[in-house]
């Protein structure tokens, strides 16, 4: 057990499994973000959920494709966001940016519920 928790053991596990270490002195696997950077990214994703999703939902509800594209481009203005996509229940898809390798993705899905007259209507 001592070896598994040592810096050498954690580097070996990181290289073998492609996983984060429990030790702060062992960097993440190649191509993976530092955990402290993920904290910043989580804040940015919360900003998307709270301030961008409602207007994006409204644009989809009103079928304003130009506005949807503009809002996705605005999401890409956030420092660590490289790809944004909206897929409607009927398969209509809008996206901007370039999707990274799957092993480096942080994915968040937000329900798009249009609110009118006190009713929440899924889009």
PDB file of N, CA and C in Angstrom:
ATOM      1  N   UNK A   1       0.819  -1.191   0.000  1.00  0.00           N
ATOM      2  CA  UNK A   1       0.000   0.000   0.000  1.00  0.00           C
ATOM      3  C   UNK A   1       0.864   1.257   0.000  1.00  0.00           C
ATOM      4  N   UNK A   2       2.009   1.212   0.674  1.00  0.00           N
ATOM      5  CA  UNK A   2       2.876   2.385   0.712  1.00  0.00           C
ATOM      6  C   UNK A   2       3.326   2.791  -0.685  1.00  0.00           C
ATOM      7  N   UNK A   3       3.661   1.785  -1.532  1.00  0.00           N
ATOM      8  CA  UNK A   3       4.117   2.103  -2.885  1.00  0.00           C
ATOM      9  C   UNK A   3       2.991   2.764  -3.683  1.00  0.00           C
ATOM     10  N   UNK A   4       1.770   2.239  -3.552  1.00  0.00           N
ATOM     11  CA  UNK A   4       0.647   2.769  -4.335  1.00  0.00           C
ATOM     12  C   UNK A   4       0.385   4.241  -4.023  1.00  0.00           C
ATOM     13  N   UNK A   5       0.670   4.667  -2.799  1.00  0.00           N
ATOM     14  CA  UNK A   5       0.435   6.055  -2.420  1.00  0.00           C
ATOM     15  C   UNK A   5       1.668   6.939  -2.559  1.00  0.00           C
ATOM     16  N   UNK A   6       2.822   6.327  -2.840  1.00  0.00           N
ATOM     17  CA  UNK A   6       4.038   7.123  -3.026  1.00  0.00           C
ATOM     18  C   UNK A   6       3.956   7.881  -4.348  1.00  0.00           C
ATOM     19  N   UNK A   7       4.792   8.887  -4.502  1.00  0.00           N
ATOM     20  CA  UNK A   7       4.808   9.657  -5.756  1.00  0.00           C
ATOM     21  C   UNK A   7       5.113   8.740  -6.936  1.00  0.00           C
ATOM     22  N   UNK A   8       6.067   7.840  -6.765  1.00  0.00           N
ATOM     23  CA  UNK A   8       6.428   6.911  -7.843  1.00  0.00           C
ATOM     24  C   UNK A   8       5.245   5.996  -8.185  1.00  0.00           C
ATOM     25  N   UNK A   9       4.586   5.480  -7.150  1.00  0.00           N
ATOM     26  CA  UNK A   9       3.431   4.619  -7.375  1.00  0.00           C
ATOM     27  C   UNK A   9       2.286   5.357  -8.043  1.00  0.00           C
ATOM     28  N   UNK A  10       2.047   6.591  -7.640  1.00  0.00           N
ATOM     29  CA  UNK A  10       0.982   7.389  -8.233  1.00  0.00           C
ATOM     30  C   UNK A  10       1.280   7.742  -9.688  1.00  0.00           C
ATOM     31  N   UNK A  11       2.560   7.996  -9.999  1.00  0.00           N
ATOM     32  CA  UNK A  11       2.929   8.243 -11.406  1.00  0.00           C
ATOM     33  C   UNK A  11       2.683   6.998 -12.238  1.00  0.00           C
ATOM     34  N   UNK A  12       3.035   5.826 -11.678  1.00  0.00           N
ATOM     35  CA  UNK A  12       2.822   4.562 -12.395  1.00  0.00           C
ATOM     36  C   UNK A  12       1.329   4.327 -12.642  1.00  0.00           C
ATOM     37  N   UNK A  13       0.508   4.545 -11.623  1.00  0.00           N
ATOM     38  CA  UNK A  13      -0.937   4.371 -11.783  1.00  0.00           C
ATOM     39  C   UNK A  13      -1.512   5.373 -12.782  1.00  0.00           C
ATOM     40  N   UNK A  14      -1.032   6.603 -12.715  1.00  0.00           N
ATOM     41  CA  UNK A  14      -1.481   7.629 -13.665  1.00  0.00           C
ATOM     42  C   UNK A  14      -1.168   7.196 -15.086  1.00  0.00           C
ATOM     43  N   UNK A  15       0.065   6.717 -15.304  1.00  0.00           N
ATOM     44  CA  UNK A  15       0.476   6.320 -16.653  1.00  0.00           C
ATOM     45  C   UNK A  15      -0.248   5.063 -17.133  1.00  0.00           C
ATOM     46  N   UNK A  16      -0.502   4.143 -16.213  1.00  0.00           N
ATOM     47  CA  UNK A  16      -1.152   2.886 -16.561  1.00  0.00           C
ATOM     48  C   UNK A  16      -2.650   3.071 -16.801  1.00  0.00           C
ATOM     49  N   UNK A  17      -3.302   3.825 -15.931  1.00  0.00           N
ATOM     50  CA  UNK A  17      -4.761   3.963 -15.978  1.00  0.00           C
ATOM     51  C   UNK A  17      -5.251   5.259 -16.608  1.00  0.00           C
ATOM     52  N   UNK A  18      -4.340   6.221 -16.768  1.00  0.00           N
ATOM     53  CA  UNK A  18      -4.760   7.521 -17.285  1.00  0.00           C
ATOM     54  C   UNK A  18      -5.667   8.237 -16.311  1.00  0.00           C
ATOM     55  N   UNK A  19      -5.351   8.112 -15.011  1.00  0.00           N
ATOM     56  CA  UNK A  19      -6.206   8.679 -13.964  1.00  0.00           C
ATOM     57  C   UNK A  19      -5.457   9.746 -13.180  1.00  0.00           C
ATOM     58  N   UNK A  20      -6.222  10.604 -12.520  1.00  0.00           N
ATOM     59  CA  UNK A  20      -5.640  11.613 -11.649  1.00  0.00           C
ATOM     60  C   UNK A  20      -5.041  10.954 -10.412  1.00  0.00           C
ATOM     61  N   UNK A  21      -4.009  11.581  -9.883  1.00  0.00           N
ATOM     62  CA  UNK A  21      -3.361  11.111  -8.663  1.00  0.00           C
ATOM     63  C   UNK A  21      -4.047  11.713  -7.445  1.00  0.00           C
ATOM     64  N   UNK A  22      -3.930  11.003  -6.320  1.00  0.00           N
ATOM     65  CA  UNK A  22      -4.422  11.561  -5.059  1.00  0.00           C
ATOM     66  C   UNK A  22      -3.405  12.527  -4.465  1.00  0.00           C
ATOM     67  N   UNK A  23      -2.223  12.573  -5.063  1.00  0.00           N
ATOM     68  CA  UNK A  23      -1.154  13.435  -4.558  1.00  0.00           C
ATOM     69  C   UNK A  23      -1.075  14.716  -5.386  1.00  0.00           C
ATOM     70  N   UNK A  24      -0.864  15.827  -4.715  1.00  0.00           N
ATOM     71  CA  UNK A  24      -0.773  17.110  -5.423  1.00  0.00           C
ATOM     72  C   UNK A  24       0.566  17.289  -6.136  1.00  0.00           C
ATOM     73  N   UNK A  25       1.583  16.492  -5.772  1.00  0.00           N
ATOM     74  CA  UNK A  25       2.897  16.617  -6.406  1.00  0.00           C
ATOM     75  C   UNK A  25       3.052  15.720  -7.638  1.00  0.00           C
ATOM     76  N   UNK A  26       1.981  15.049  -8.045  1.00  0.00           N
ATOM     77  CA  UNK A  26       1.997  14.231  -9.265  1.00  0.00           C
ATOM     78  C   UNK A  26       1.060  14.890 -10.261  1.00  0.00           C
ATOM     79  N   UNK A  27       1.610  15.385 -11.369  1.00  0.00           N
ATOM     80  CA  UNK A  27       0.767  16.089 -12.341  1.00  0.00           C
ATOM     81  C   UNK A  27      -0.247  15.150 -12.994  1.00  0.00           C
ATOM     82  N   UNK A  28      -1.296  15.710 -13.590  1.00  0.00           N
ATOM     83  CA  UNK A  28      -2.319  14.880 -14.250  1.00  0.00           C
ATOM     84  C   UNK A  28      -1.749  14.192 -15.486  1.00  0.00           C
ATOM     85  N   UNK A  29      -2.481  13.217 -16.016  1.00  0.00           N
ATOM     86  CA  UNK A  29      -2.038  12.575 -17.259  1.00  0.00           C
ATOM     87  C   UNK A  29      -1.897  13.608 -18.378  1.00  0.00           C
ATOM     88  N   UNK A  30      -1.046  13.299 -19.317  1.00  0.00           N
ATOM     89  CA  UNK A  30      -0.813  14.207 -20.451  1.00  0.00           C
ATOM     90  C   UNK A  30      -2.128  14.532 -21.152  1.00  0.00           C
ATOM     91  N   UNK A  31      -2.353  15.821 -21.397  1.00  0.00           N
ATOM     92  CA  UNK A  31      -3.554  16.280 -22.078  1.00  0.00           C
ATOM     93  C   UNK A  31      -4.729  16.535 -21.160  1.00  0.00           C
ATOM     94  N   UNK A  32      -4.617  16.172 -19.884  1.00  0.00           N
ATOM     95  CA  UNK A  32      -5.689  16.390 -18.924  1.00  0.00           C
ATOM     96  C   UNK A  32      -5.465  17.729 -18.222  1.00  0.00           C
ATOM     97  N   UNK A  33      -6.527  18.430 -17.883  1.00  0.00           N
ATOM     98  CA  UNK A  33      -6.365  19.701 -17.158  1.00  0.00           C
ATOM     99  C   UNK A  33      -5.988  19.453 -15.705  1.00  0.00           C
ATOM    100  N   UNK A  34      -5.329  20.451 -15.103  1.00  0.00           N
ATOM    101  CA  UNK A  34      -5.059  20.383 -13.667  1.00  0.00           C
ATOM    102  C   UNK A  34      -6.373  20.478 -12.921  1.00  0.00           C
ATOM    103  N   UNK A  35      -6.444  19.847 -11.760  1.00  0.00           N
ATOM    104  CA  UNK A  35      -7.683  19.872 -10.980  1.00  0.00           C
ATOM    105  C   UNK A  35      -8.074  21.284 -10.579  1.00  0.00           C
ATOM    106  N   UNK A  36      -7.080  22.140 -10.308  1.00  0.00           N
ATOM    107  CA  UNK A  36      -7.424  23.518  -9.940  1.00  0.00           C
ATOM    108  C   UNK A  36      -8.075  24.245 -11.113  1.00  0.00           C
ATOM    109  N   UNK A  37      -7.694  23.892 -12.349  1.00  0.00           N
ATOM    110  CA  UNK A  37      -8.320  24.499 -13.515  1.00  0.00           C
ATOM    111  C   UNK A  37      -9.762  24.015 -13.683  1.00  0.00           C
ATOM    112  N   UNK A  38     -10.027  22.782 -13.249  1.00  0.00           N
ATOM    113  CA  UNK A  38     -11.388  22.266 -13.330  1.00  0.00           C
ATOM    114  C   UNK A  38     -12.328  23.056 -12.428  1.00  0.00           C
ATOM    115  N   UNK A  39     -11.806  23.537 -11.307  1.00  0.00           N
ATOM    116  CA  UNK A  39     -12.626  24.358 -10.403  1.00  0.00           C
ATOM    117  C   UNK A  39     -13.063  25.635 -11.122  1.00  0.00           C
ATOM    118  N   UNK A  40     -12.163  26.245 -11.860  1.00  0.00           N
ATOM    119  CA  UNK A  40     -12.490  27.452 -12.627  1.00  0.00           C
ATOM    120  C   UNK A  40     -13.519  27.108 -13.707  1.00  0.00           C
ATOM    121  N   UNK A  41     -13.317  25.976 -14.378  1.00  0.00           N
ATOM    122  CA  UNK A  41     -14.237  25.554 -15.429  1.00  0.00           C
ATOM    123  C   UNK A  41     -15.632  25.305 -14.863  1.00  0.00           C
ATOM    124  N   UNK A  42     -15.721  24.701 -13.695  1.00  0.00           N
ATOM    125  CA  UNK A  42     -17.033  24.468 -13.079  1.00  0.00           C
ATOM    126  C   UNK A  42     -17.768  25.795 -12.858  1.00  0.00           C
ATOM    127  N   UNK A  43     -17.033  26.833 -12.459  1.00  0.00           N
ATOM    128  CA  UNK A  43     -17.643  28.152 -12.294  1.00  0.00           C
ATOM    129  C   UNK A  43     -18.166  28.701 -13.613  1.00  0.00           C
ATOM    130  N   UNK A  44     -17.403  28.481 -14.675  1.00  0.00           N
ATOM    131  CA  UNK A  44     -17.833  28.951 -15.989  1.00  0.00           C
ATOM    132  C   UNK A  44     -19.076  28.186 -16.459  1.00  0.00           C
ATOM    133  N   UNK A  45     -19.111  26.890 -16.192  1.00  0.00           N
ATOM    134  CA  UNK A  45     -20.267  26.095 -16.589  1.00  0.00           C
ATOM    135  C   UNK A  45     -21.510  26.493 -15.790  1.00  0.00           C
ATOM    136  N   UNK A  46     -21.317  26.845 -14.540  1.00  0.00           N
ATOM    137  CA  UNK A  46     -22.444  27.337 -13.740  1.00  0.00           C
ATOM    138  C   UNK A  46     -22.949  28.666 -14.307  1.00  0.00           C
ATOM    139  N   UNK A  47     -22.031  29.487 -14.789  1.00  0.00           N
ATOM    140  CA  UNK A  47     -22.415  30.756 -15.422  1.00  0.00           C
ATOM    141  C   UNK A  47     -23.250  30.480 -16.676  1.00  0.00           C
ATOM    142  N   UNK A  48     -22.857  29.482 -17.453  1.00  0.00           N
ATOM    143  CA  UNK A  48     -23.639  29.111 -18.638  1.00  0.00           C
ATOM    144  C   UNK A  48     -25.046  28.694 -18.218  1.00  0.00           C
ATOM    145  N   UNK A  49     -25.125  27.826 -17.194  1.00  0.00           N
ATOM    146  CA  UNK A  49     -26.434  27.336 -16.741  1.00  0.00           C
ATOM    147  C   UNK A  49     -27.337  28.464 -16.255  1.00  0.00           C
ATOM    148  N   UNK A  50     -26.778  29.353 -15.464  1.00  0.00           N
ATOM    149  CA  UNK A  50     -27.620  30.371 -14.841  1.00  0.00           C
ATOM    150  C   UNK A  50     -27.917  31.564 -15.748  1.00  0.00           C
ATOM    151  N   UNK A  51     -26.988  31.961 -16.592  1.00  0.00           N
ATOM    152  CA  UNK A  51     -27.204  33.193 -17.354  1.00  0.00           C
ATOM    153  C   UNK A  51     -27.367  32.996 -18.863  1.00  0.00           C
ATOM    154  N   UNK A  52     -26.927  31.887 -19.397  1.00  0.00           N
ATOM    155  CA  UNK A  52     -27.003  31.714 -20.860  1.00  0.00           C
ATOM    156  C   UNK A  52     -28.132  30.781 -21.287  1.00  0.00           C
ATOM    157  N   UNK A  53     -28.408  29.753 -20.473  1.00  0.00           N
ATOM    158  CA  UNK A  53     -29.417  28.768 -20.849  1.00  0.00           C
ATOM    159  C   UNK A  53     -30.808  29.388 -21.031  1.00  0.00           C
ATOM    160  N   UNK A  54     -31.261  30.284 -20.148  1.00  0.00           N
ATOM    161  CA  UNK A  54     -32.604  30.848 -20.351  1.00  0.00           C
ATOM    162  C   UNK A  54     -32.768  31.578 -21.699  1.00  0.00           C
ATOM    163  N   UNK A  55     -31.801  32.382 -22.087  1.00  0.00           N
ATOM    164  CA  UNK A  55     -31.934  33.097 -23.361  1.00  0.00           C
ATOM    165  C   UNK A  55     -31.777  32.148 -24.548  1.00  0.00           C
ATOM    166  N   UNK A  56     -30.940  31.140 -24.404  1.00  0.00           N
ATOM    167  CA  UNK A  56     -30.790  30.135 -25.457  1.00  0.00           C
ATOM    168  C   UNK A  56     -32.107  29.370 -25.637  1.00  0.00           C
ATOM    169  N   UNK A  57     -32.738  29.035 -24.535  1.00  0.00           N
ATOM    170  CA  UNK A  57     -34.035  28.348 -24.581  1.00  0.00           C
ATOM    171  C   UNK A  57     -35.070  29.200 -25.296  1.00  0.00           C
ATOM    172  N   UNK A  58     -35.108  30.477 -24.964  1.00  0.00           N
ATOM    173  CA  UNK A  58     -36.064  31.382 -25.601  1.00  0.00           C
ATOM    174  C   UNK A  58     -35.823  31.461 -27.110  1.00  0.00           C
ATOM    175  N   UNK A  59     -34.565  31.539 -27.509  1.00  0.00           N
ATOM    176  CA  UNK A  59     -34.248  31.607 -28.940  1.00  0.00           C
ATOM    177  C   UNK A  59     -34.670  30.337 -29.667  1.00  0.00           C
ATOM    178  N   UNK A  60     -34.476  29.191 -29.020  1.00  0.00           N
ATOM    179  CA  UNK A  60     -34.914  27.930 -29.634  1.00  0.00           C
ATOM    180  C   UNK A  60     -36.433  27.881 -29.738  1.00  0.00           C
ATOM    181  N   UNK A  61     -37.098  28.313 -28.688  1.00  0.00           N
ATOM    182  CA  UNK A  61     -38.562  28.281 -28.676  1.00  0.00           C
ATOM    183  C   UNK A  61     -39.135  29.133 -29.803  1.00  0.00           C
ATOM    184  N   UNK A  62     -38.491  30.275 -30.059  1.00  0.00           N
ATOM    185  CA  UNK A  62     -38.957  31.170 -31.114  1.00  0.00           C
ATOM    186  C   UNK A  62     -38.337  30.860 -32.477  1.00  0.00           C
ATOM    187  N   UNK A  63     -37.596  29.755 -32.554  1.00  0.00           N
ATOM    188  CA  UNK A  63     -36.963  29.297 -33.794  1.00  0.00           C
ATOM    189  C   UNK A  63     -36.080  30.367 -34.433  1.00  0.00           C
ATOM    190  N   UNK A  64     -35.341  31.077 -33.606  1.00  0.00           N
ATOM    191  CA  UNK A  64     -34.434  32.118 -34.081  1.00  0.00           C
ATOM    192  C   UNK A  64     -33.024  31.517 -34.201  1.00  0.00           C
ATOM    193  N   UNK A  65     -32.787  30.860 -35.327  1.00  0.00           N
ATOM    194  CA  UNK A  65     -31.526  30.142 -35.522  1.00  0.00           C
ATOM    195  C   UNK A  65     -30.310  31.061 -35.442  1.00  0.00           C
ATOM    196  N   UNK A  66     -30.414  32.249 -35.993  1.00  0.00           N
ATOM    197  CA  UNK A  66     -29.285  33.187 -35.959  1.00  0.00           C
ATOM    198  C   UNK A  66     -28.935  33.548 -34.522  1.00  0.00           C
ATOM    199  N   UNK A  67     -29.947  33.736 -33.691  1.00  0.00           N
ATOM    200  CA  UNK A  67     -29.708  34.068 -32.287  1.00  0.00           C
ATOM    201  C   UNK A  67     -29.117  32.875 -31.532  1.00  0.00           C
ATOM    202  N   UNK A  68     -29.569  31.663 -31.843  1.00  0.00           N
ATOM    203  CA  UNK A  68     -29.013  30.460 -31.212  1.00  0.00           C
ATOM    204  C   UNK A  68     -27.518  30.367 -31.516  1.00  0.00           C
ATOM    205  N   UNK A  69     -27.162  30.548 -32.771  1.00  0.00           N
ATOM    206  CA  UNK A  69     -25.749  30.500 -33.180  1.00  0.00           C
ATOM    207  C   UNK A  69     -24.958  31.594 -32.470  1.00  0.00           C
ATOM    208  N   UNK A  70     -25.503  32.784 -32.415  1.00  0.00           N
ATOM    209  CA  UNK A  70     -24.836  33.895 -31.746  1.00  0.00           C
ATOM    210  C   UNK A  70     -24.615  33.586 -30.258  1.00  0.00           C
ATOM    211  N   UNK A  71     -25.602  32.997 -29.615  1.00  0.00           N
ATOM    212  CA  UNK A  71     -25.469  32.666 -28.196  1.00  0.00           C
ATOM    213  C   UNK A  71     -24.449  31.548 -27.969  1.00  0.00           C
ATOM    214  N   UNK A  72     -24.405  30.567 -28.870  1.00  0.00           N
ATOM    215  CA  UNK A  72     -23.380  29.522 -28.749  1.00  0.00           C
ATOM    216  C   UNK A  72     -21.984  30.123 -28.912  1.00  0.00           C
ATOM    217  N   UNK A  73     -21.846  31.075 -29.840  1.00  0.00           N
ATOM    218  CA  UNK A  73     -20.559  31.744 -30.004  1.00  0.00           C
ATOM    219  C   UNK A  73     -20.197  32.534 -28.748  1.00  0.00           C
ATOM    220  N   UNK A  74     -21.196  33.122 -28.097  1.00  0.00           N
ATOM    221  CA  UNK A  74     -20.959  33.832 -26.847  1.00  0.00           C
ATOM    222  C   UNK A  74     -20.478  32.892 -25.748  1.00  0.00           C
ATOM    223  N   UNK A  75     -21.005  31.685 -25.706  1.00  0.00           N
ATOM    224  CA  UNK A  75     -20.551  30.691 -24.728  1.00  0.00           C
ATOM    225  C   UNK A  75     -19.088  30.348 -24.972  1.00  0.00           C
ATOM    226  N   UNK A  76     -18.695  30.303 -26.242  1.00  0.00           N
ATOM    227  CA  UNK A  76     -17.296  30.000 -26.572  1.00  0.00           C
ATOM    228  C   UNK A  76     -16.345  31.118 -26.156  1.00  0.00           C
ATOM    229  N   UNK A  77     -16.876  32.289 -25.852  1.00  0.00           N
ATOM    230  CA  UNK A  77     -16.023  33.381 -25.373  1.00  0.00           C
ATOM    231  C   UNK A  77     -15.488  33.121 -23.968  1.00  0.00           C
ATOM    232  N   UNK A  78     -16.121  32.183 -23.247  1.00  0.00           N
ATOM    233  CA  UNK A  78     -15.600  31.828 -21.924  1.00  0.00           C
ATOM    234  C   UNK A  78     -14.245  31.152 -22.099  1.00  0.00           C
ATOM    235  N   UNK A  79     -13.328  31.440 -21.214  1.00  0.00           N
ATOM    236  CA  UNK A  79     -11.926  31.046 -21.358  1.00  0.00           C
ATOM    237  C   UNK A  79     -11.702  29.575 -21.685  1.00  0.00           C
ATOM    238  N   UNK A  80     -12.355  28.684 -20.996  1.00  0.00           N
ATOM    239  CA  UNK A  80     -12.054  27.261 -21.140  1.00  0.00           C
ATOM    240  C   UNK A  80     -13.070  26.482 -21.952  1.00  0.00           C
ATOM    241  N   UNK A  81     -14.056  27.145 -22.509  1.00  0.00           N
ATOM    242  CA  UNK A  81     -15.072  26.447 -23.289  1.00  0.00           C
ATOM    243  C   UNK A  81     -14.652  26.474 -24.753  1.00  0.00           C
ATOM    244  N   UNK A  82     -14.537  25.280 -25.331  1.00  0.00           N
ATOM    245  CA  UNK A  82     -14.071  25.159 -26.716  1.00  0.00           C
ATOM    246  C   UNK A  82     -15.141  24.641 -27.671  1.00  0.00           C
ATOM    247  N   UNK A  83     -16.237  24.109 -27.119  1.00  0.00           N
ATOM    248  CA  UNK A  83     -17.280  23.513 -27.954  1.00  0.00           C
ATOM    249  C   UNK A  83     -18.606  23.652 -27.229  1.00  0.00           C
ATOM    250  N   UNK A  84     -19.641  24.046 -27.954  1.00  0.00           N
ATOM    251  CA  UNK A  84     -20.980  24.152 -27.383  1.00  0.00           C
ATOM    252  C   UNK A  84     -21.972  23.606 -28.398  1.00  0.00           C
ATOM    253  N   UNK A  85     -22.921  22.815 -27.887  1.00  0.00           N
ATOM    254  CA  UNK A  85     -23.887  22.181 -28.791  1.00  0.00           C
ATOM    255  C   UNK A  85     -25.262  22.150 -28.136  1.00  0.00           C
ATOM    256  N   UNK A  86     -26.281  22.342 -28.960  1.00  0.00           N
ATOM    257  CA  UNK A  86     -27.668  22.194 -28.544  1.00  0.00           C
ATOM    258  C   UNK A  86     -28.302  21.179 -29.485  1.00  0.00           C
ATOM    259  N   UNK A  87     -28.975  20.191 -28.886  1.00  0.00           N
ATOM    260  CA  UNK A  87     -29.713  19.205 -29.669  1.00  0.00           C
ATOM    261  C   UNK A  87     -31.148  19.217 -29.171  1.00  0.00           C
ATOM    262  N   UNK A  88     -32.076  19.453 -30.071  1.00  0.00           N
ATOM    263  CA  UNK A  88     -33.483  19.496 -29.689  1.00  0.00           C
ATOM    264  C   UNK A  88     -34.046  18.078 -29.659  1.00  0.00           C
ATOM    265  N   UNK A  89     -35.177  17.867 -28.974  1.00  0.00           N
ATOM    266  CA  UNK A  89     -35.781  16.528 -28.930  1.00  0.00           C
ATOM    267  C   UNK A  89     -36.103  15.955 -30.305  1.00  0.00           C
ATOM    268  N   UNK A  90     -36.370  16.823 -31.283  1.00  0.00           N
ATOM    269  CA  UNK A  90     -36.659  16.317 -32.626  1.00  0.00           C
ATOM    270  C   UNK A  90     -35.414  16.214 -33.505  1.00  0.00           C
ATOM    271  N   UNK A  91     -34.217  16.312 -32.893  1.00  0.00           N
ATOM    272  CA  UNK A  91     -32.976  16.033 -33.608  1.00  0.00           C
ATOM    273  C   UNK A  91     -32.301  17.214 -34.273  1.00  0.00           C
ATOM    274  N   UNK A  92     -32.868  18.396 -34.163  1.00  0.00           N
ATOM    275  CA  UNK A  92     -32.232  19.584 -34.728  1.00  0.00           C
ATOM    276  C   UNK A  92     -31.001  19.906 -33.890  1.00  0.00           C
ATOM    277  N   UNK A  93     -29.868  20.112 -34.538  1.00  0.00           N
ATOM    278  CA  UNK A  93     -28.609  20.315 -33.816  1.00  0.00           C
ATOM    279  C   UNK A  93     -27.933  21.607 -34.256  1.00  0.00           C
ATOM    280  N   UNK A  94     -27.465  22.348 -33.255  1.00  0.00           N
ATOM    281  CA  UNK A  94     -26.686  23.564 -33.477  1.00  0.00           C
ATOM    282  C   UNK A  94     -25.395  23.397 -32.689  1.00  0.00           C
ATOM    283  N   UNK A  95     -24.268  23.794 -33.270  1.00  0.00           N
ATOM    284  CA  UNK A  95     -23.021  23.732 -32.510  1.00  0.00           C
ATOM    285  C   UNK A  95     -22.031  24.751 -33.031  1.00  0.00           C
ATOM    286  N   UNK A  96     -21.075  25.072 -32.181  1.00  0.00           N
ATOM    287  CA  UNK A  96     -19.975  25.970 -32.515  1.00  0.00           C
ATOM    288  C   UNK A  96     -18.730  25.452 -31.811  1.00  0.00           C
ATOM    289  N   UNK A  97     -17.584  25.702 -32.423  1.00  0.00           N
ATOM    290  CA  UNK A  97     -16.308  25.283 -31.859  1.00  0.00           C
ATOM    291  C   UNK A  97     -15.902  23.909 -32.351  1.00  0.00           C
ATOM    292  N   UNK A  98     -14.807  23.412 -31.776  1.00  0.00           N
ATOM    293  CA  UNK A  98     -14.300  22.095 -32.147  1.00  0.00           C
ATOM    294  C   UNK A  98     -14.279  21.201 -30.929  1.00  0.00           C
ATOM    295  N   UNK A  99     -14.841  20.011 -31.081  1.00  0.00           N
ATOM    296  CA  UNK A  99     -14.886  19.064 -29.983  1.00  0.00           C
ATOM    297  C   UNK A  99     -13.501  18.453 -29.786  1.00  0.00           C
ATOM    298  N   UNK A 100     -13.059  18.386 -28.531  1.00  0.00           N
ATOM    299  CA  UNK A 100     -11.745  17.842 -28.201  1.00  0.00           C
ATOM    300  C   UNK A 100     -11.806  16.319 -28.127  1.00  0.00           C
ATOM    301  N   UNK A 101     -10.643  15.707 -27.868  1.00  0.00           N
ATOM    302  CA  UNK A 101     -10.603  14.266 -27.661  1.00  0.00           C
ATOM    303  C   UNK A 101     -11.490  13.906 -26.481  1.00  0.00           C
ATOM    304  N   UNK A 102     -12.121  12.750 -26.573  1.00  0.00           N
ATOM    305  CA  UNK A 102     -13.069  12.350 -25.532  1.00  0.00           C
ATOM    306  C   UNK A 102     -12.434  12.292 -24.149  1.00  0.00           C
ATOM    307  N   UNK A 103     -11.167  11.897 -24.055  1.00  0.00           N
ATOM    308  CA  UNK A 103     -10.549  11.749 -22.726  1.00  0.00           C
ATOM    309  C   UNK A 103     -10.353  13.093 -22.021  1.00  0.00           C
ATOM    310  N   UNK A 104     -10.388  14.182 -22.764  1.00  0.00           N
ATOM    311  CA  UNK A 104     -10.181  15.491 -22.128  1.00  0.00           C
ATOM    312  C   UNK A 104     -11.469  16.297 -22.005  1.00  0.00           C
ATOM    313  N   UNK A 105     -12.599  15.713 -22.376  1.00  0.00           N
ATOM    314  CA  UNK A 105     -13.859  16.446 -22.345  1.00  0.00           C
ATOM    315  C   UNK A 105     -14.431  16.546 -20.937  1.00  0.00           C
ATOM    316  N   UNK A 106     -14.991  17.683 -20.655  1.00  0.00           N
ATOM    317  CA  UNK A 106     -15.838  17.873 -19.487  1.00  0.00           C
ATOM    318  C   UNK A 106     -17.194  18.225 -20.071  1.00  0.00           C
ATOM    319  N   UNK A 107     -18.167  17.352 -19.856  1.00  0.00           N
ATOM    320  CA  UNK A 107     -19.472  17.511 -20.499  1.00  0.00           C
ATOM    321  C   UNK A 107     -20.522  17.859 -19.455  1.00  0.00           C
ATOM    322  N   UNK A 108     -21.314  18.860 -19.768  1.00  0.00           N
ATOM    323  CA  UNK A 108     -22.449  19.215 -18.926  1.00  0.00           C
ATOM    324  C   UNK A 108     -23.675  19.348 -19.834  1.00  0.00           C
ATOM    325  N   UNK A 109     -24.767  18.798 -19.392  1.00  0.00           N
ATOM    326  CA  UNK A 109     -26.016  18.918 -20.121  1.00  0.00           C
ATOM    327  C   UNK A 109     -26.991  19.709 -19.255  1.00  0.00           C
ATOM    328  N   UNK A 110     -27.676  20.645 -19.891  1.00  0.00           N
ATOM    329  CA  UNK A 110     -28.642  21.478 -19.191  1.00  0.00           C
ATOM    330  C   UNK A 110     -29.994  21.336 -19.876  1.00  0.00           C
ATOM    331  N   UNK A 111     -31.045  21.068 -19.106  1.00  0.00           N
ATOM    332  CA  UNK A 111     -32.374  20.995 -19.728  1.00  0.00           C
ATOM    333  C   UNK A 111     -32.806  22.379 -20.195  1.00  0.00           C
ATOM    334  N   UNK A 112     -33.450  22.412 -21.324  1.00  0.00           N
ATOM    335  CA  UNK A 112     -33.945  23.672 -21.877  1.00  0.00           C
ATOM    336  C   UNK A 112     -35.450  23.704 -21.680  1.00  0.00           C
ATOM    337  N   UNK A 113     -35.885  24.445 -20.682  1.00  0.00           N
ATOM    338  CA  UNK A 113     -37.305  24.547 -20.354  1.00  0.00           C
ATOM    339  C   UNK A 113     -37.756  25.983 -20.562  1.00  0.00           C
ATOM    340  N   UNK A 114     -38.620  26.168 -21.549  1.00  0.00           N
ATOM    341  CA  UNK A 114     -39.144  27.507 -21.837  1.00  0.00           C
ATOM    342  C   UNK A 114     -40.264  27.805 -20.849  1.00  0.00           C
ATOM    343  N   UNK A 115     -40.200  28.967 -20.230  1.00  0.00           N
ATOM    344  CA  UNK A 115     -41.204  29.328 -19.236  1.00  0.00           C
ATOM    345  C   UNK A 115     -42.097  30.432 -19.791  1.00  0.00           C
ATOM    346  N   UNK A 116     -43.400  30.142 -19.804  1.00  0.00           N
ATOM    347  CA  UNK A 116     -44.386  31.128 -20.272  1.00  0.00           C
ATOM    348  C   UNK A 116     -45.641  30.989 -19.436  1.00  0.00           C
ATOM    349  N   UNK A 117     -46.120  32.090 -18.943  1.00  0.00           N
ATOM    350  CA  UNK A 117     -47.352  32.124 -18.165  1.00  0.00           C
ATOM    351  C   UNK A 117     -47.301  31.160 -16.968  1.00  0.00           C
ATOM    352  N   UNK A 118     -46.111  31.038 -16.373  1.00  0.00           N
ATOM    353  CA  UNK A 118     -45.950  30.174 -15.215  1.00  0.00           C
ATOM    354  C   UNK A 118     -45.744  28.707 -15.534  1.00  0.00           C
ATOM    355  N   UNK A 119     -45.800  28.335 -16.789  1.00  0.00           N
ATOM    356  CA  UNK A 119     -45.607  26.949 -17.202  1.00  0.00           C
ATOM    357  C   UNK A 119     -44.179  26.765 -17.685  1.00  0.00           C
ATOM    358  N   UNK A 120     -43.571  25.633 -17.363  1.00  0.00           N
ATOM    359  CA  UNK A 120     -42.259  25.273 -17.917  1.00  0.00           C
ATOM    360  C   UNK A 120     -42.476  24.229 -18.992  1.00  0.00           C
ATOM    361  N   UNK A 121     -42.061  24.570 -20.184  1.00  0.00           N
ATOM    362  CA  UNK A 121     -42.320  23.716 -21.347  1.00  0.00           C
ATOM    363  C   UNK A 121     -40.980  23.221 -21.884  1.00  0.00           C
ATOM    364  N   UNK A 122     -40.747  21.889 -21.924  1.00  0.00           N
ATOM    365  CA  UNK A 122     -39.462  21.388 -22.450  1.00  0.00           C
ATOM    366  C   UNK A 122     -39.348  21.665 -23.939  1.00  0.00           C
ATOM    367  N   UNK A 123     -38.123  21.948 -24.344  1.00  0.00           N
ATOM    368  CA  UNK A 123     -37.887  22.130 -25.781  1.00  0.00           C
ATOM    369  C   UNK A 123     -37.043  20.979 -26.267  1.00  0.00           C
TER     370      UNK A 123
END
